[in-house]
Amino acid sequence: MRRRLVLTNEAARHPFRRSLPPPVTQSRSRRDDDQDIRLFVVSFTAFFICFYTFLF
């Protein structure tokens, strides 16, 4: 018997859900939160600089 390269989720009962990869762990969300905060700060700073230069 040949094994698949992608690990299956044995807890899933439906055949389609078994073929999907296991769910993503929470370790990635921490990095995404940091990137969201960084994007907000950069966007806010860019808007403030543009607004300030148009004002004066």
C-alpha atoms as a PDB file:
ATOM      1  CA  MET A   1       0.000   0.000   0.000  1.00  0.00           C
ATOM      2  CA  ARG A   2       1.306   3.440  -0.938  1.00  0.00           C
ATOM      3  CA  ARG A   3       1.097   6.387   1.413  1.00  0.00           C
ATOM      4  CA  ARG A   4       0.132   9.834   0.241  1.00  0.00           C
ATOM      5  CA  LEU A   5       2.600  12.684   0.530  1.00  0.00           C
ATOM      6  CA  VAL A   6      -0.029  14.891   2.180  1.00  0.00           C
ATOM      7  CA  LEU A   7      -1.023  13.805   5.656  1.00  0.00           C
ATOM      8  CA  THR A   8      -4.746  13.381   6.076  1.00  0.00           C
ATOM      9  CA  ASN A   9      -6.937  14.343   8.965  1.00  0.00           C
ATOM     10  CA  GLU A  10      -8.148  11.051  10.409  1.00  0.00           C
ATOM     11  CA  ALA A  11     -10.615  12.802  12.730  1.00  0.00           C
ATOM     12  CA  ALA A  12     -12.691  13.956   9.745  1.00  0.00           C
ATOM     13  CA  ARG A  13     -15.424  11.502   8.808  1.00  0.00           C
ATOM     14  CA  HIS A  14     -16.444  12.777   5.384  1.00  0.00           C
ATOM     15  CA  PRO A  15     -14.234  11.567   2.485  1.00  0.00           C
ATOM     16  CA  PHE A  16     -13.715  15.087   1.137  1.00  0.00           C
ATOM     17  CA  ARG A  17     -12.716  16.419   4.560  1.00  0.00           C
ATOM     18  CA  ARG A  18     -10.318  13.499   4.978  1.00  0.00           C
ATOM     19  CA  SER A  19      -8.512  14.517   1.795  1.00  0.00           C
ATOM     20  CA  LEU A  20      -7.877  18.053   3.113  1.00  0.00           C
ATOM     21  CA  PRO A  21      -4.691  18.813   5.054  1.00  0.00           C
ATOM     22  CA  PRO A  22      -4.963  19.210   8.831  1.00  0.00           C
ATOM     23  CA  PRO A  23      -6.041  22.627  10.140  1.00  0.00           C
ATOM     24  CA  VAL A  24      -3.408  25.326  10.605  1.00  0.00           C
ATOM     25  CA  THR A  25      -2.114  25.817  14.134  1.00  0.00           C
ATOM     26  CA  GLN A  26      -2.367  29.088  16.046  1.00  0.00           C
ATOM     27  CA  SER A  27       1.353  29.924  15.788  1.00  0.00           C
ATOM     28  CA  ARG A  28       0.846  31.745  12.494  1.00  0.00           C
ATOM     29  CA  SER A  29      -1.832  34.083  13.815  1.00  0.00           C
ATOM     30  CA  ARG A  30       0.683  35.784  16.136  1.00  0.00           C
ATOM     31  CA  ARG A  31       2.826  36.797  13.163  1.00  0.00           C
ATOM     32  CA  ASP A  32      -0.238  37.958  11.247  1.00  0.00           C
ATOM     33  CA  ASP A  33      -1.297  40.147  14.184  1.00  0.00           C
ATOM     34  CA  ASP A  34       2.142  41.744  14.297  1.00  0.00           C
ATOM     35  CA  GLN A  35       2.013  42.446  10.576  1.00  0.00           C
ATOM     36  CA  ASP A  36      -1.480  43.965  10.896  1.00  0.00           C
ATOM     37  CA  ILE A  37      -0.312  46.317  13.633  1.00  0.00           C
ATOM     38  CA  ARG A  38       2.782  47.254  11.646  1.00  0.00           C
ATOM     39  CA  LEU A  39       0.666  47.941   8.533  1.00  0.00           C
ATOM     40  CA  PHE A  40      -1.688  50.138  10.563  1.00  0.00           C
ATOM     41  CA  VAL A  41       1.189  52.170  12.018  1.00  0.00           C
ATOM     42  CA  VAL A  42       2.813  52.645   8.605  1.00  0.00           C
ATOM     43  CA  SER A  43      -0.495  53.648   6.998  1.00  0.00           C
ATOM     44  CA  PHE A  44      -1.325  56.066   9.798  1.00  0.00           C
ATOM     45  CA  THR A  45       2.120  57.646   9.600  1.00  0.00           C
ATOM     46  CA  ALA A  46       1.929  58.000   5.810  1.00  0.00           C
ATOM     47  CA  PHE A  47      -1.525  59.591   6.023  1.00  0.00           C
ATOM     48  CA  PHE A  48      -0.351  61.994   8.754  1.00  0.00           C
ATOM     49  CA  ILE A  49       2.703  63.056   6.720  1.00  0.00           C
ATOM     50  CA  CYS A  50       0.624  63.591   3.552  1.00  0.00           C
ATOM     51  CA  PHE A  51      -2.047  65.552   5.433  1.00  0.00           C
ATOM     52  CA  TYR A  52       0.555  67.654   7.202  1.00  0.00           C
ATOM     53  CA  THR A  53       2.394  68.517   3.965  1.00  0.00           C
ATOM     54  CA  PHE A  54      -0.855  69.549   2.221  1.00  0.00           C
ATOM     55  CA  LEU A  55      -1.832  71.694   5.203  1.00  0.00           C
ATOM     56  CA  PHE A  56       1.400  73.716   5.197  1.00  0.00           C
END
